[in-house]
PDB file of all heavy atoms in Angstrom:
ATOM      1  N   HIS A   1       0.841  -1.194   0.002  1.00  0.00           N
ATOM      2  CA  HIS A   1      -0.017   0.012  -0.030  1.00  0.00           C
ATOM      3  C   HIS A   1       0.901   1.242   0.024  1.00  0.00           C
ATOM      4  O   HIS A   1       0.653   2.207  -0.770  1.00  0.00           O
ATOM      5  CB  HIS A   1      -0.910  -0.017   1.202  1.00  0.00           C
ATOM      6  CG  HIS A   1      -1.607   1.311   1.473  1.00  0.00           C
ATOM      7  ND1 HIS A   1      -2.702   1.717   0.750  1.00  0.00           N
ATOM      8  CD2 HIS A   1      -1.398   2.262   2.402  1.00  0.00           C
ATOM      9  CE1 HIS A   1      -3.107   2.863   1.145  1.00  0.00           C
ATOM     10  NE2 HIS A   1      -2.317   3.236   2.185  1.00  0.00           N
ATOM     11  N   VAL A   2       1.871   1.287   0.875  1.00  0.00           N
ATOM     12  CA  VAL A   2       2.759   2.432   0.946  1.00  0.00           C
ATOM     13  C   VAL A   2       3.464   2.642  -0.387  1.00  0.00           C
ATOM     14  O   VAL A   2       3.640   3.749  -0.889  1.00  0.00           O
ATOM     15  CB  VAL A   2       3.746   2.295   2.141  1.00  0.00           C
ATOM     16  CG1 VAL A   2       4.743   3.489   2.138  1.00  0.00           C
ATOM     17  CG2 VAL A   2       3.014   2.178   3.445  1.00  0.00           C
ATOM     18  N   LYS A   3       3.988   1.572  -0.945  1.00  0.00           N
ATOM     19  CA  LYS A   3       4.672   1.712  -2.246  1.00  0.00           C
ATOM     20  C   LYS A   3       3.777   2.178  -3.327  1.00  0.00           C
ATOM     21  O   LYS A   3       4.218   2.995  -4.166  1.00  0.00           O
ATOM     22  CB  LYS A   3       5.274   0.263  -2.593  1.00  0.00           C
ATOM     23  CG  LYS A   3       6.199   0.302  -3.781  1.00  0.00           C
ATOM     24  CD  LYS A   3       6.824  -1.088  -4.013  1.00  0.00           C
ATOM     25  CE  LYS A   3       7.955  -1.000  -5.093  1.00  0.00           C
ATOM     26  NZ  LYS A   3       7.408  -0.726  -6.407  1.00  0.00           N
ATOM     27  N   GLU A   4       2.518   1.801  -3.304  1.00  0.00           N
ATOM     28  CA  GLU A   4       1.603   2.223  -4.293  1.00  0.00           C
ATOM     29  C   GLU A   4       1.284   3.709  -4.203  1.00  0.00           C
ATOM     30  O   GLU A   4       1.249   4.419  -5.259  1.00  0.00           O
ATOM     31  CB  GLU A   4       0.290   1.400  -4.198  1.00  0.00           C
ATOM     32  CG  GLU A   4      -0.704   1.795  -5.285  1.00  0.00           C
ATOM     33  CD  GLU A   4      -2.011   1.004  -5.176  1.00  0.00           C
ATOM     34  OE1 GLU A   4      -2.098   0.109  -4.272  1.00  0.00           O
ATOM     35  OE2 GLU A   4      -2.949   1.271  -5.927  1.00  0.00           O
ATOM     36  N   ILE A   5       1.131   4.197  -2.998  1.00  0.00           N
ATOM     37  CA  ILE A   5       0.717   5.589  -2.843  1.00  0.00           C
ATOM     38  C   ILE A   5       1.959   6.542  -2.889  1.00  0.00           C
ATOM     39  O   ILE A   5       1.803   7.682  -3.268  1.00  0.00           O
ATOM     40  CB  ILE A   5      -0.099   5.826  -1.552  1.00  0.00           C
ATOM     41  CG1 ILE A   5       0.762   5.509  -0.292  1.00  0.00           C
ATOM     42  CG2 ILE A   5      -1.362   5.037  -1.554  1.00  0.00           C
ATOM     43  CD1 ILE A   5       0.089   5.878   1.005  1.00  0.00           C
ATOM     44  N   ASN A   6       3.108   6.053  -2.419  1.00  0.00           N
ATOM     45  CA  ASN A   6       4.341   6.945  -2.358  1.00  0.00           C
ATOM     46  C   ASN A   6       5.295   6.617  -3.461  1.00  0.00           C
ATOM     47  O   ASN A   6       6.165   7.499  -3.794  1.00  0.00           O
ATOM     48  CB  ASN A   6       4.992   6.789  -1.002  1.00  0.00           C
ATOM     49  CG  ASN A   6       4.245   7.505   0.090  1.00  0.00           C
ATOM     50  OD1 ASN A   6       3.320   8.254  -0.180  1.00  0.00           O
ATOM     51  ND2 ASN A   6       4.613   7.210   1.317  1.00  0.00           N
ATOM     52  N   GLY A   7       5.311   5.419  -3.965  1.00  0.00           N
ATOM     53  CA  GLY A   7       6.267   5.051  -4.964  1.00  0.00           C
ATOM     54  C   GLY A   7       7.707   4.839  -4.441  1.00  0.00           C
ATOM     55  O   GLY A   7       8.618   4.573  -5.157  1.00  0.00           O
ATOM     56  N   LYS A   8       7.839   4.974  -3.088  1.00  0.00           N
ATOM     57  CA  LYS A   8       9.143   4.875  -2.500  1.00  0.00           C
ATOM     58  C   LYS A   8       9.055   4.344  -1.126  1.00  0.00           C
ATOM     59  O   LYS A   8       8.163   4.751  -0.283  1.00  0.00           O
ATOM     60  CB  LYS A   8       9.819   6.284  -2.435  1.00  0.00           C
ATOM     61  CG  LYS A   8      11.238   6.273  -1.905  1.00  0.00           C
ATOM     62  CD  LYS A   8      11.817   7.645  -1.983  1.00  0.00           C
ATOM     63  CE  LYS A   8      13.264   7.697  -1.497  1.00  0.00           C
ATOM     64  NZ  LYS A   8      13.869   9.034  -1.524  1.00  0.00           N
ATOM     65  N   LEU A   9       9.871   3.356  -0.800  1.00  0.00           N
ATOM     66  CA  LEU A   9       9.846   2.778   0.535  1.00  0.00           C
ATOM     67  C   LEU A   9      11.202   3.055   1.288  1.00  0.00           C
ATOM     68  O   LEU A   9      11.230   3.120   2.513  1.00  0.00           O
ATOM     69  CB  LEU A   9       9.686   1.269   0.491  1.00  0.00           C
ATOM     70  CG  LEU A   9       8.292   0.766   0.008  1.00  0.00           C
ATOM     71  CD1 LEU A   9       8.344  -0.781  -0.125  1.00  0.00           C
ATOM     72  CD2 LEU A   9       7.220   1.160   0.950  1.00  0.00           C
ATOM     73  N   TYR A  10      12.266   3.149   0.552  1.00  0.00           N
ATOM     74  CA  TYR A  10      13.634   3.177   1.090  1.00  0.00           C
ATOM     75  C   TYR A  10      14.267   4.526   0.982  1.00  0.00           C
ATOM     76  O   TYR A  10      14.006   5.332   0.062  1.00  0.00           O
ATOM     77  CB  TYR A  10      14.504   2.134   0.429  1.00  0.00           C
ATOM     78  CG  TYR A  10      14.039   0.682   0.573  1.00  0.00           C
ATOM     79  CD1 TYR A  10      13.106   0.177  -0.298  1.00  0.00           C
ATOM     80  CD2 TYR A  10      14.512  -0.095   1.582  1.00  0.00           C
ATOM     81  CE1 TYR A  10      12.662  -1.155  -0.160  1.00  0.00           C
ATOM     82  CE2 TYR A  10      14.122  -1.421   1.738  1.00  0.00           C
ATOM     83  CZ  TYR A  10      13.171  -1.935   0.831  1.00  0.00           C
ATOM     84  OH  TYR A  10      12.767  -3.242   1.021  1.00  0.00           O
ATOM     85  N   THR A  11      15.181   4.762   1.916  1.00  0.00           N
ATOM     86  CA  THR A  11      16.087   5.886   1.788  1.00  0.00           C
ATOM     87  C   THR A  11      17.325   5.489   0.960  1.00  0.00           C
ATOM     88  O   THR A  11      17.559   4.294   0.726  1.00  0.00           O
ATOM     89  CB  THR A  11      16.576   6.392   3.190  1.00  0.00           C
ATOM     90  OG1 THR A  11      17.438   7.493   3.025  1.00  0.00           O
ATOM     91  CG2 THR A  11      17.412   5.287   3.877  1.00  0.00           C
ATOM     92  N   GLY A  12      18.110   6.430   0.563  1.00  0.00           N
ATOM     93  CA  GLY A  12      19.337   6.092  -0.145  1.00  0.00           C
ATOM     94  C   GLY A  12      20.522   6.102   0.798  1.00  0.00           C
ATOM     95  O   GLY A  12      21.657   6.025   0.344  1.00  0.00           O
ATOM     96  N   ALA A  13      20.308   6.146   2.122  1.00  0.00           N
ATOM     97  CA  ALA A  13      21.372   6.283   3.060  1.00  0.00           C
ATOM     98  C   ALA A  13      22.251   5.051   3.131  1.00  0.00           C
ATOM     99  O   ALA A  13      23.445   5.149   3.391  1.00  0.00           O
ATOM    100  CB  ALA A  13      20.851   6.638   4.417  1.00  0.00           C
ATOM    101  N   PHE A  14      21.642   3.875   2.973  1.00  0.00           N
ATOM    102  CA  PHE A  14      22.375   2.607   3.093  1.00  0.00           C
ATOM    103  C   PHE A  14      22.444   1.862   1.779  1.00  0.00           C
ATOM    104  O   PHE A  14      21.365   1.848   1.080  1.00  0.00           O
ATOM    105  CB  PHE A  14      21.814   1.736   4.179  1.00  0.00           C
ATOM    106  CG  PHE A  14      21.912   2.292   5.595  1.00  0.00           C
ATOM    107  CD1 PHE A  14      20.798   2.304   6.404  1.00  0.00           C
ATOM    108  CD2 PHE A  14      23.108   2.766   6.045  1.00  0.00           C
ATOM    109  CE1 PHE A  14      20.924   2.811   7.674  1.00  0.00           C
ATOM    110  CE2 PHE A  14      23.254   3.250   7.347  1.00  0.00           C
ATOM    111  CZ  PHE A  14      22.125   3.264   8.159  1.00  0.00           C
ATOM    112  N   ILE A  15      23.537   1.305   1.519  1.00  0.00           N
ATOM    113  CA  ILE A  15      23.631   0.399   0.324  1.00  0.00           C
ATOM    114  C   ILE A  15      23.305  -0.994   0.831  1.00  0.00           C
ATOM    115  O   ILE A  15      24.109  -1.586   1.554  1.00  0.00           O
ATOM    116  CB  ILE A  15      24.986   0.445  -0.364  1.00  0.00           C
ATOM    117  CG1 ILE A  15      25.270   1.876  -0.857  1.00  0.00           C
ATOM    118  CG2 ILE A  15      25.116  -0.539  -1.500  1.00  0.00           C
ATOM    119  CD1 ILE A  15      26.673   2.077  -1.416  1.00  0.00           C
ATOM    120  N   LEU A  16      22.135  -1.514   0.512  1.00  0.00           N
ATOM    121  CA  LEU A  16      21.755  -2.844   1.007  1.00  0.00           C
ATOM    122  C   LEU A  16      22.291  -3.927   0.088  1.00  0.00           C
ATOM    123  O   LEU A  16      22.539  -3.724  -1.086  1.00  0.00           O
ATOM    124  CB  LEU A  16      20.199  -2.912   1.044  1.00  0.00           C
ATOM    125  CG  LEU A  16      19.555  -1.845   1.982  1.00  0.00           C
ATOM    126  CD1 LEU A  16      18.034  -2.023   1.885  1.00  0.00           C
ATOM    127  CD2 LEU A  16      20.001  -1.968   3.378  1.00  0.00           C
ATOM    128  N   CYS A  17      22.472  -5.102   0.729  1.00  0.00           N
ATOM    129  CA  CYS A  17      22.994  -6.219  -0.039  1.00  0.00           C
ATOM    130  C   CYS A  17      22.013  -6.648  -1.152  1.00  0.00           C
ATOM    131  O   CYS A  17      20.835  -6.198  -1.161  1.00  0.00           O
ATOM    132  CB  CYS A  17      23.174  -7.440   0.861  1.00  0.00           C
ATOM    133  SG  CYS A  17      24.535  -7.214   2.023  1.00  0.00           S
ATOM    134  N   ALA A  18      22.454  -7.449  -2.077  1.00  0.00           N
ATOM    135  CA  ALA A  18      21.679  -7.871  -3.252  1.00  0.00           C
ATOM    136  C   ALA A  18      20.313  -8.359  -2.762  1.00  0.00           C
ATOM    137  O   ALA A  18      20.214  -9.110  -1.759  1.00  0.00           O
ATOM    138  CB  ALA A  18      22.445  -9.000  -3.981  1.00  0.00           C
ATOM    139  N   ASN A  19      19.255  -7.966  -3.459  1.00  0.00           N
ATOM    140  CA  ASN A  19      17.929  -8.106  -2.906  1.00  0.00           C
ATOM    141  C   ASN A  19      17.111  -9.283  -3.365  1.00  0.00           C
ATOM    142  O   ASN A  19      15.939  -9.349  -3.191  1.00  0.00           O
ATOM    143  CB  ASN A  19      17.139  -6.791  -3.185  1.00  0.00           C
ATOM    144  CG  ASN A  19      16.897  -6.559  -4.640  1.00  0.00           C
ATOM    145  OD1 ASN A  19      16.932  -7.461  -5.438  1.00  0.00           O
ATOM    146  ND2 ASN A  19      16.739  -5.272  -4.987  1.00  0.00           N
ATOM    147  N   THR A  20      17.757 -10.295  -3.954  1.00  0.00           N
ATOM    148  CA  THR A  20      17.002 -11.440  -4.477  1.00  0.00           C
ATOM    149  C   THR A  20      17.321 -12.739  -3.694  1.00  0.00           C
ATOM    150  O   THR A  20      17.035 -13.796  -4.232  1.00  0.00           O
ATOM    151  CB  THR A  20      17.270 -11.652  -5.986  1.00  0.00           C
ATOM    152  OG1 THR A  20      18.655 -11.857  -6.164  1.00  0.00           O
ATOM    153  CG2 THR A  20      16.807 -10.472  -6.770  1.00  0.00           C
ATOM    154  N   ALA A  21      17.876 -12.606  -2.502  1.00  0.00           N
ATOM    155  CA  ALA A  21      18.317 -13.796  -1.752  1.00  0.00           C
ATOM    156  C   ALA A  21      17.162 -14.734  -1.491  1.00  0.00           C
ATOM    157  O   ALA A  21      17.352 -15.966  -1.333  1.00  0.00           O
ATOM    158  CB  ALA A  21      18.968 -13.360  -0.478  1.00  0.00           C
ATOM    159  N   TYR A  22      15.997 -14.218  -1.381  1.00  0.00           N
ATOM    160  CA  TYR A  22      14.834 -15.062  -1.076  1.00  0.00           C
ATOM    161  C   TYR A  22      13.940 -15.313  -2.305  1.00  0.00           C
ATOM    162  O   TYR A  22      12.794 -15.810  -2.160  1.00  0.00           O
ATOM    163  CB  TYR A  22      13.975 -14.478   0.088  1.00  0.00           C
ATOM    164  CG  TYR A  22      14.719 -14.550   1.375  1.00  0.00           C
ATOM    165  CD1 TYR A  22      15.577 -13.545   1.855  1.00  0.00           C
ATOM    166  CD2 TYR A  22      14.590 -15.671   2.210  1.00  0.00           C
ATOM    167  CE1 TYR A  22      16.227 -13.659   3.047  1.00  0.00           C
ATOM    168  CE2 TYR A  22      15.283 -15.795   3.416  1.00  0.00           C
ATOM    169  CZ  TYR A  22      16.124 -14.786   3.837  1.00  0.00           C
ATOM    170  OH  TYR A  22      16.825 -14.881   5.014  1.00  0.00           O
ATOM    171  N   GLY A  23      14.438 -15.007  -3.461  1.00  0.00           N
ATOM    172  CA  GLY A  23      13.810 -15.338  -4.699  1.00  0.00           C
ATOM    173  C   GLY A  23      12.723 -14.394  -5.227  1.00  0.00           C
ATOM    174  O   GLY A  23      12.020 -14.702  -6.173  1.00  0.00           O
ATOM    175  N   HIS A  24      12.629 -13.197  -4.618  1.00  0.00           N
ATOM    176  CA  HIS A  24      11.597 -12.241  -5.052  1.00  0.00           C
ATOM    177  C   HIS A  24      12.185 -11.145  -5.904  1.00  0.00           C
ATOM    178  O   HIS A  24      13.327 -10.727  -5.690  1.00  0.00           O
ATOM    179  CB  HIS A  24      10.872 -11.671  -3.856  1.00  0.00           C
ATOM    180  CG  HIS A  24      10.168 -12.635  -2.967  1.00  0.00           C
ATOM    181  ND1 HIS A  24       8.988 -13.244  -3.308  1.00  0.00           N
ATOM    182  CD2 HIS A  24      10.556 -13.172  -1.774  1.00  0.00           C
ATOM    183  CE1 HIS A  24       8.624 -14.080  -2.348  1.00  0.00           C
ATOM    184  NE2 HIS A  24       9.556 -14.048  -1.402  1.00  0.00           N
ATOM    185  N   SER A  25      11.451 -10.649  -6.842  1.00  0.00           N
ATOM    186  CA  SER A  25      11.913  -9.552  -7.689  1.00  0.00           C
ATOM    187  C   SER A  25      11.810  -8.173  -6.999  1.00  0.00           C
ATOM    188  O   SER A  25      12.557  -7.260  -7.284  1.00  0.00           O
ATOM    189  CB  SER A  25      11.139  -9.506  -9.024  1.00  0.00           C
ATOM    190  OG  SER A  25       9.770  -9.353  -8.794  1.00  0.00           O
ATOM    191  N   GLU A  26      10.906  -8.071  -6.041  1.00  0.00           N
ATOM    192  CA  GLU A  26      10.705  -6.817  -5.293  1.00  0.00           C
ATOM    193  C   GLU A  26      11.638  -6.850  -4.049  1.00  0.00           C
ATOM    194  O   GLU A  26      11.599  -7.820  -3.262  1.00  0.00           O
ATOM    195  CB  GLU A  26       9.258  -6.709  -4.920  1.00  0.00           C
ATOM    196  CG  GLU A  26       8.326  -6.379  -6.055  1.00  0.00           C
ATOM    197  CD  GLU A  26       8.243  -4.894  -6.351  1.00  0.00           C
ATOM    198  OE1 GLU A  26       9.019  -4.131  -5.762  1.00  0.00           O
ATOM    199  OE2 GLU A  26       7.376  -4.555  -7.183  1.00  0.00           O
ATOM    200  N   LYS A  27      12.348  -5.783  -3.832  1.00  0.00           N
ATOM    201  CA  LYS A  27      13.250  -5.701  -2.684  1.00  0.00           C
ATOM    202  C   LYS A  27      12.490  -5.901  -1.387  1.00  0.00           C
ATOM    203  O   LYS A  27      12.936  -6.672  -0.513  1.00  0.00           O
ATOM    204  CB  LYS A  27      13.967  -4.351  -2.645  1.00  0.00           C
ATOM    205  CG  LYS A  27      14.965  -4.194  -1.538  1.00  0.00           C
ATOM    206  CD  LYS A  27      15.470  -2.779  -1.398  1.00  0.00           C
ATOM    207  CE  LYS A  27      16.304  -2.361  -2.588  1.00  0.00           C
ATOM    208  NZ  LYS A  27      16.950  -0.997  -2.354  1.00  0.00           N
ATOM    209  N   TYR A  28      11.363  -5.223  -1.223  1.00  0.00           N
ATOM    210  CA  TYR A  28      10.669  -5.322   0.077  1.00  0.00           C
ATOM    211  C   TYR A  28      10.099  -6.717   0.348  1.00  0.00           C
ATOM    212  O   TYR A  28       9.995  -7.120   1.500  1.00  0.00           O
ATOM    213  CB  TYR A  28       9.530  -4.300   0.140  1.00  0.00           C
ATOM    214  CG  TYR A  28       8.259  -4.587  -0.555  1.00  0.00           C
ATOM    215  CD1 TYR A  28       7.184  -5.201   0.107  1.00  0.00           C
ATOM    216  CD2 TYR A  28       8.080  -4.195  -1.928  1.00  0.00           C
ATOM    217  CE1 TYR A  28       6.005  -5.464  -0.550  1.00  0.00           C
ATOM    218  CE2 TYR A  28       6.898  -4.505  -2.556  1.00  0.00           C
ATOM    219  CZ  TYR A  28       5.845  -5.133  -1.924  1.00  0.00           C
ATOM    220  OH  TYR A  28       4.645  -5.392  -2.528  1.00  0.00           O
ATOM    221  N   LEU A  29       9.780  -7.466  -0.706  1.00  0.00           N
ATOM    222  CA  LEU A  29       9.282  -8.862  -0.528  1.00  0.00           C
ATOM    223  C   LEU A  29      10.455  -9.756   0.041  1.00  0.00           C
ATOM    224  O   LEU A  29      10.221 -10.627   0.868  1.00  0.00           O
ATOM    225  CB  LEU A  29       8.688  -9.424  -1.755  1.00  0.00           C
ATOM    226  CG  LEU A  29       7.387  -8.778  -2.216  1.00  0.00           C
ATOM    227  CD1 LEU A  29       6.982  -9.354  -3.553  1.00  0.00           C
ATOM    228  CD2 LEU A  29       6.332  -8.875  -1.171  1.00  0.00           C
ATOM    229  N   ASN A  30      11.621  -9.518  -0.472  1.00  0.00           N
ATOM    230  CA  ASN A  30      12.801 -10.240   0.087  1.00  0.00           C
ATOM    231  C   ASN A  30      13.084  -9.870   1.543  1.00  0.00           C
ATOM    232  O   ASN A  30      13.434 -10.714   2.340  1.00  0.00           O
ATOM    233  CB  ASN A  30      14.068  -9.945  -0.722  1.00  0.00           C
ATOM    234  CG  ASN A  30      14.046 -10.739  -2.064  1.00  0.00           C
ATOM    235  OD1 ASN A  30      14.316 -11.900  -2.111  1.00  0.00           O
ATOM    236  ND2 ASN A  30      13.683 -10.043  -3.146  1.00  0.00           N
ATOM    237  N   HIS A  31      12.836  -8.569   1.852  1.00  0.00           N
ATOM    238  CA  HIS A  31      13.058  -8.187   3.253  1.00  0.00           C
ATOM    239  C   HIS A  31      11.971  -8.784   4.161  1.00  0.00           C
ATOM    240  O   HIS A  31      12.235  -9.139   5.264  1.00  0.00           O
ATOM    241  CB  HIS A  31      13.123  -6.662   3.328  1.00  0.00           C
ATOM    242  CG  HIS A  31      14.381  -6.129   2.798  1.00  0.00           C
ATOM    243  ND1 HIS A  31      14.494  -4.903   2.180  1.00  0.00           N
ATOM    244  CD2 HIS A  31      15.611  -6.656   2.698  1.00  0.00           C
ATOM    245  CE1 HIS A  31      15.750  -4.697   1.785  1.00  0.00           C
ATOM    246  NE2 HIS A  31      16.402  -5.740   2.090  1.00  0.00           N
ATOM    247  N   ILE A  32      10.715  -8.839   3.699  1.00  0.00           N
ATOM    248  CA  ILE A  32       9.698  -9.485   4.476  1.00  0.00           C
ATOM    249  C   ILE A  32      10.098 -10.974   4.675  1.00  0.00           C
ATOM    250  O   ILE A  32       9.935 -11.501   5.808  1.00  0.00           O
ATOM    251  CB  ILE A  32       8.329  -9.401   3.763  1.00  0.00           C
ATOM    252  CG1 ILE A  32       7.754  -7.982   3.827  1.00  0.00           C
ATOM    253  CG2 ILE A  32       7.334 -10.415   4.359  1.00  0.00           C
ATOM    254  CD1 ILE A  32       7.267  -7.566   5.183  1.00  0.00           C
ATOM    255  N   ALA A  33      10.576 -11.598   3.627  1.00  0.00           N
ATOM    256  CA  ALA A  33      11.013 -12.997   3.826  1.00  0.00           C
ATOM    257  C   ALA A  33      12.171 -13.136   4.823  1.00  0.00           C
ATOM    258  O   ALA A  33      12.235 -14.082   5.630  1.00  0.00           O
ATOM    259  CB  ALA A  33      11.448 -13.605   2.490  1.00  0.00           C
ATOM    260  N   LEU A  34      13.096 -12.145   4.799  1.00  0.00           N
ATOM    261  CA  LEU A  34      14.150 -12.149   5.744  1.00  0.00           C
ATOM    262  C   LEU A  34      13.591 -12.011   7.161  1.00  0.00           C
ATOM    263  O   LEU A  34      14.039 -12.668   8.060  1.00  0.00           O
ATOM    264  CB  LEU A  34      15.131 -10.994   5.447  1.00  0.00           C
ATOM    265  CG  LEU A  34      16.183 -10.678   6.495  1.00  0.00           C
ATOM    266  CD1 LEU A  34      17.123 -11.859   6.685  1.00  0.00           C
ATOM    267  CD2 LEU A  34      16.999  -9.411   6.072  1.00  0.00           C
ATOM    268  N   PHE A  35      12.634 -11.074   7.377  1.00  0.00           N
ATOM    269  CA  PHE A  35      12.110 -10.871   8.688  1.00  0.00           C
ATOM    270  C   PHE A  35      11.395 -12.136   9.177  1.00  0.00           C
ATOM    271  O   PHE A  35      11.505 -12.488  10.366  1.00  0.00           O
ATOM    272  CB  PHE A  35      11.101  -9.679   8.715  1.00  0.00           C
ATOM    273  CG  PHE A  35      11.673  -8.408   8.291  1.00  0.00           C
ATOM    274  CD1 PHE A  35      10.869  -7.391   7.682  1.00  0.00           C
ATOM    275  CD2 PHE A  35      13.001  -8.098   8.404  1.00  0.00           C
ATOM    276  CE1 PHE A  35      11.388  -6.166   7.296  1.00  0.00           C
ATOM    277  CE2 PHE A  35      13.578  -6.866   8.008  1.00  0.00           C
ATOM    278  CZ  PHE A  35      12.748  -5.907   7.450  1.00  0.00           C
ATOM    279  N   ARG A  36      10.702 -12.844   8.266  1.00  0.00           N
ATOM    280  CA  ARG A  36      10.077 -14.115   8.662  1.00  0.00           C
ATOM    281  C   ARG A  36      11.186 -15.140   9.089  1.00  0.00           C
ATOM    282  O   ARG A  36      10.998 -15.878  10.068  1.00  0.00           O
ATOM    283  CB  ARG A  36       9.312 -14.676   7.492  1.00  0.00           C
ATOM    284  CG  ARG A  36       8.010 -13.900   7.214  1.00  0.00           C
ATOM    285  CD  ARG A  36       7.082 -14.737   6.235  1.00  0.00           C
ATOM    286  NE  ARG A  36       5.881 -14.005   5.939  1.00  0.00           N
ATOM    287  CZ  ARG A  36       5.635 -13.584   4.738  1.00  0.00           C
ATOM    288  NH1 ARG A  36       6.440 -13.752   3.702  1.00  0.00           N
ATOM    289  NH2 ARG A  36       4.514 -12.855   4.486  1.00  0.00           N
ATOM    290  N   HIS A  37      12.264 -15.183   8.319  1.00  0.00           N
ATOM    291  CA  HIS A  37      13.344 -16.051   8.616  1.00  0.00           C
ATOM    292  C   HIS A  37      13.896 -15.778  10.040  1.00  0.00           C
ATOM    293  O   HIS A  37      14.094 -16.640  10.863  1.00  0.00           O
ATOM    294  CB  HIS A  37      14.485 -15.830   7.609  1.00  0.00           C
ATOM    295  CG  HIS A  37      15.627 -16.757   7.744  1.00  0.00           C
ATOM    296  ND1 HIS A  37      16.696 -16.724   6.852  1.00  0.00           N
ATOM    297  CD2 HIS A  37      15.987 -17.673   8.719  1.00  0.00           C
ATOM    298  CE1 HIS A  37      17.606 -17.568   7.216  1.00  0.00           C
ATOM    299  NE2 HIS A  37      17.188 -18.160   8.339  1.00  0.00           N
ATOM    300  N   MET A  38      14.055 -14.482  10.280  1.00  0.00           N
ATOM    301  CA  MET A  38      14.641 -14.051  11.599  1.00  0.00           C
ATOM    302  C   MET A  38      13.697 -14.363  12.764  1.00  0.00           C
ATOM    303  O   MET A  38      14.098 -14.976  13.727  1.00  0.00           O
ATOM    304  CB  MET A  38      14.912 -12.545  11.573  1.00  0.00           C
ATOM    305  CG  MET A  38      16.071 -12.076  10.682  1.00  0.00           C
ATOM    306  SD  MET A  38      16.086 -10.311  10.660  1.00  0.00           S
ATOM    307  CE  MET A  38      17.846  -9.980  10.403  1.00  0.00           C
ATOM    308  N   PHE A  39      12.464 -13.905  12.611  1.00  0.00           N
ATOM    309  CA  PHE A  39      11.560 -13.826  13.811  1.00  0.00           C
ATOM    310  C   PHE A  39      10.564 -14.947  13.912  1.00  0.00           C
ATOM    311  O   PHE A  39      10.088 -15.233  14.994  1.00  0.00           O
ATOM    312  CB  PHE A  39      10.887 -12.420  13.875  1.00  0.00           C
ATOM    313  CG  PHE A  39      11.848 -11.315  14.109  1.00  0.00           C
ATOM    314  CD1 PHE A  39      12.324 -10.580  13.083  1.00  0.00           C
ATOM    315  CD2 PHE A  39      12.273 -11.058  15.424  1.00  0.00           C
ATOM    316  CE1 PHE A  39      13.221  -9.517  13.306  1.00  0.00           C
ATOM    317  CE2 PHE A  39      13.138 -10.008  15.643  1.00  0.00           C
ATOM    318  CZ  PHE A  39      13.658  -9.257  14.583  1.00  0.00           C
ATOM    319  N   ILE A  40      10.203 -15.556  12.797  1.00  0.00           N
ATOM    320  CA  ILE A  40       9.190 -16.647  12.847  1.00  0.00           C
ATOM    321  C   ILE A  40       9.968 -17.984  12.911  1.00  0.00           C
ATOM    322  O   ILE A  40       9.663 -18.854  13.777  1.00  0.00           O
ATOM    323  CB  ILE A  40       8.300 -16.633  11.606  1.00  0.00           C
ATOM    324  CG1 ILE A  40       7.550 -15.269  11.562  1.00  0.00           C
ATOM    325  CG2 ILE A  40       7.286 -17.782  11.699  1.00  0.00           C
ATOM    326  CD1 ILE A  40       6.704 -14.973  12.740  1.00  0.00           C
ATOM    327  N   LEU A  41      10.978 -18.145  12.028  1.00  0.00           N
ATOM    328  CA  LEU A  41      11.661 -19.464  12.015  1.00  0.00           C
ATOM    329  C   LEU A  41      12.793 -19.525  13.088  1.00  0.00           C
ATOM    330  O   LEU A  41      12.855 -20.570  13.748  1.00  0.00           O
ATOM    331  CB  LEU A  41      12.290 -19.653  10.623  1.00  0.00           C
ATOM    332  CG  LEU A  41      11.287 -19.815   9.433  1.00  0.00           C
ATOM    333  CD1 LEU A  41      12.068 -19.993   8.118  1.00  0.00           C
ATOM    334  CD2 LEU A  41      10.334 -20.951   9.651  1.00  0.00           C
ATOM    335  N   ASP A  42      13.563 -18.510  13.213  1.00  0.00           N
ATOM    336  CA  ASP A  42      14.737 -18.532  14.083  1.00  0.00           C
ATOM    337  C   ASP A  42      14.494 -17.930  15.457  1.00  0.00           C
ATOM    338  O   ASP A  42      15.372 -18.098  16.339  1.00  0.00           O
ATOM    339  CB  ASP A  42      15.880 -17.806  13.404  1.00  0.00           C
ATOM    340  CG  ASP A  42      16.571 -18.629  12.385  1.00  0.00           C
ATOM    341  OD1 ASP A  42      16.120 -19.716  12.068  1.00  0.00           O
ATOM    342  OD2 ASP A  42      17.569 -18.120  11.769  1.00  0.00           O
ATOM    343  N   HIS A  43      13.398 -17.261  15.682  1.00  0.00           N
ATOM    344  CA  HIS A  43      13.139 -16.575  16.987  1.00  0.00           C
ATOM    345  C   HIS A  43      14.303 -15.698  17.405  1.00  0.00           C
ATOM    346  O   HIS A  43      14.807 -15.797  18.524  1.00  0.00           O
ATOM    347  CB  HIS A  43      12.838 -17.660  18.062  1.00  0.00           C
ATOM    348  CG  HIS A  43      11.670 -18.515  17.705  1.00  0.00           C
ATOM    349  ND1 HIS A  43      10.372 -18.076  17.732  1.00  0.00           N
ATOM    350  CD2 HIS A  43      11.632 -19.852  17.280  1.00  0.00           C
ATOM    351  CE1 HIS A  43       9.566 -19.100  17.331  1.00  0.00           C
ATOM    352  NE2 HIS A  43      10.290 -20.150  17.067  1.00  0.00           N
TER     353      HIS A  43
END
């Protein structure tokens, strides 16, 4: 929703690692997958 209305989610302050580690084309979907990995699977 935020991406649709603003067209932007991220700042340019940090250079983030390659964004397809979890197989998604959208950066934010890979980050959601990372958060699930961290907090749902790994606690």
